């Protein structure tokens, strides 16, 4: 049983930074792509970033490129999302997801999802 547990959300002022963590368990993730998505109130869940567990290839949504960095720690089985220069429009619930695939996937067609962590960017 795959489990994904997010942490690290909170309230931050515009221009600030946060680092989200996603602790993954239940199997070996070498053949998985890990993704971060977010959902603002009244909006659809949208792709933020993804990383291939094996090899570390990454992909970002245009709205976060240059500000967010996705990474993974093999020893800790954890995926991170470092978010810098945060804007109010980054506010939302951030979800970690896993998909059994060697390619980077930017749609919501992931196999497993975490429960989400709230990020609020406000002064």
Protein backbone atom coordinates (compact mmCIF):
# COMPACT_ATOMS: atom_id res chain seq x y z
CA UNK A 1 0.00 0.00 0.00
CA UNK A 2 1.54 3.26 -1.15
CA UNK A 3 1.32 6.12 1.32
CA UNK A 4 2.21 9.72 0.63
CA UNK A 5 2.30 12.18 3.52
CA UNK A 6 2.84 15.88 2.87
CA UNK A 7 4.10 18.41 5.39
CA UNK A 8 5.61 21.87 5.51
CA UNK A 9 2.69 24.06 4.54
CA UNK A 10 1.76 27.23 6.37
CA UNK A 11 1.23 30.97 6.17
CA UNK A 12 3.95 33.05 4.53
CA UNK A 13 4.22 36.64 3.35
CA UNK A 14 4.60 37.46 -0.35
CA UNK A 15 8.22 37.06 -1.38
CA UNK A 16 8.83 34.46 1.29
CA UNK A 17 9.80 30.79 1.04
CA UNK A 18 8.50 27.42 2.13
CA UNK A 19 9.72 23.85 1.67
CA UNK A 20 7.15 21.12 1.32
CA UNK A 21 8.01 17.49 2.00
CA UNK A 22 6.34 14.30 0.80
CA UNK A 23 7.27 11.14 2.67
CA UNK A 24 6.64 8.12 0.45
CA UNK A 25 6.30 4.54 1.70
CA UNK A 26 4.90 1.19 0.69
CA UNK A 27 7.22 0.19 -2.13
CA UNK A 28 10.37 1.01 -4.06
CA UNK A 29 9.86 4.13 -6.14
CA UNK A 30 12.63 3.70 -8.72
CA UNK A 31 10.04 3.19 -11.47
CA UNK A 32 7.83 6.07 -10.39
CA UNK A 33 7.36 9.69 -11.33
CA UNK A 34 6.49 11.95 -8.40
CA UNK A 35 4.44 15.09 -8.85
CA UNK A 36 3.24 18.12 -6.94
CA UNK A 37 -0.15 19.63 -7.69
CA UNK A 38 -2.11 22.45 -6.10
CA UNK A 39 -5.73 23.44 -5.84
CA UNK A 40 -6.98 26.92 -5.04
CA UNK A 41 -10.53 27.49 -3.74
CA UNK A 42 -13.03 27.21 -6.57
CA UNK A 43 -10.41 26.09 -9.07
CA UNK A 44 -9.33 22.81 -10.56
CA UNK A 45 -6.29 20.97 -9.29
CA UNK A 46 -3.31 21.99 -11.41
CA UNK A 47 0.13 20.60 -12.11
CA UNK A 48 3.07 22.31 -10.40
CA UNK A 49 6.16 20.13 -10.82
CA UNK A 50 7.28 16.54 -11.37
CA UNK A 51 10.43 14.47 -11.02
CA UNK A 52 11.43 11.03 -12.23
CA UNK A 53 12.61 9.11 -9.20
CA UNK A 54 15.26 7.34 -11.26
CA UNK A 55 17.54 9.83 -12.97
CA UNK A 56 15.96 12.92 -11.48
CA UNK A 57 14.55 14.56 -14.63
CA UNK A 58 12.28 17.44 -13.69
CA UNK A 59 9.48 19.45 -15.26
CA UNK A 60 7.71 22.60 -14.08
CA UNK A 61 4.58 24.53 -14.83
CA UNK A 62 5.37 27.87 -16.46
CA UNK A 63 3.83 29.72 -13.52
CA UNK A 64 6.45 28.39 -11.07
CA UNK A 65 9.50 27.97 -13.31
CA UNK A 66 12.50 29.72 -11.81
CA UNK A 67 10.87 30.00 -8.37
CA UNK A 68 10.13 26.40 -7.35
CA UNK A 69 12.51 23.44 -7.25
CA UNK A 70 11.49 19.80 -6.97
CA UNK A 71 13.98 17.27 -5.65
CA UNK A 72 14.12 13.84 -4.02
CA UNK A 73 16.15 12.13 -1.33
CA UNK A 74 16.55 8.46 -2.13
CA UNK A 75 17.75 7.51 1.33
CA UNK A 76 14.79 9.20 3.03
CA UNK A 77 12.23 8.23 0.34
CA UNK A 78 11.13 11.85 0.37
CA UNK A 79 10.28 14.36 -2.33
CA UNK A 80 10.64 18.07 -1.70
CA UNK A 81 9.22 21.21 -3.23
CA UNK A 82 11.27 24.30 -2.43
CA UNK A 83 9.13 27.36 -3.08
CA UNK A 84 10.78 30.78 -3.26
CA UNK A 85 9.50 34.25 -4.15
CA UNK A 86 5.99 33.17 -3.23
CA UNK A 87 3.03 35.10 -4.57
CA UNK A 88 -0.58 35.30 -3.34
CA UNK A 89 -1.62 33.31 -6.41
CA UNK A 90 0.46 30.39 -5.12
CA UNK A 91 -2.08 29.94 -2.33
CA UNK A 92 -3.82 26.58 -2.25
CA UNK A 93 -3.72 23.01 -1.02
CA UNK A 94 -0.61 21.28 -2.30
CA UNK A 95 -0.77 17.58 -3.07
CA UNK A 96 1.96 15.03 -3.61
CA UNK A 97 1.27 12.28 -6.16
CA UNK A 98 2.95 9.16 -7.51
CA UNK A 99 2.60 7.40 -10.84
CA UNK A 100 4.13 4.13 -11.99
CA UNK A 101 5.88 5.41 -15.10
CA UNK A 102 9.33 6.38 -16.38
CA UNK A 103 8.04 9.49 -18.11
CA UNK A 104 7.18 12.83 -16.58
CA UNK A 105 3.41 13.26 -16.39
CA UNK A 106 1.80 16.69 -16.10
CA UNK A 107 -1.85 15.65 -16.10
CA UNK A 108 -3.80 14.52 -13.02
CA UNK A 109 -3.55 10.85 -14.12
CA UNK A 110 -1.51 9.79 -11.11
CA UNK A 111 -2.04 6.53 -9.24
CA UNK A 112 -1.61 7.69 -5.65
CA UNK A 113 -2.25 10.97 -3.83
CA UNK A 114 -1.46 12.42 -0.44
CA UNK A 115 -3.92 14.24 1.77
CA UNK A 116 -2.56 17.70 0.96
CA UNK A 117 -1.00 20.55 2.90
CA UNK A 118 -2.28 24.13 2.95
CA UNK A 119 -0.09 26.96 1.69
CA UNK A 120 -1.32 30.51 2.21
CA UNK A 121 0.60 33.48 0.83
CA UNK A 122 -0.71 36.68 2.33
CA UNK A 123 0.45 39.85 4.02
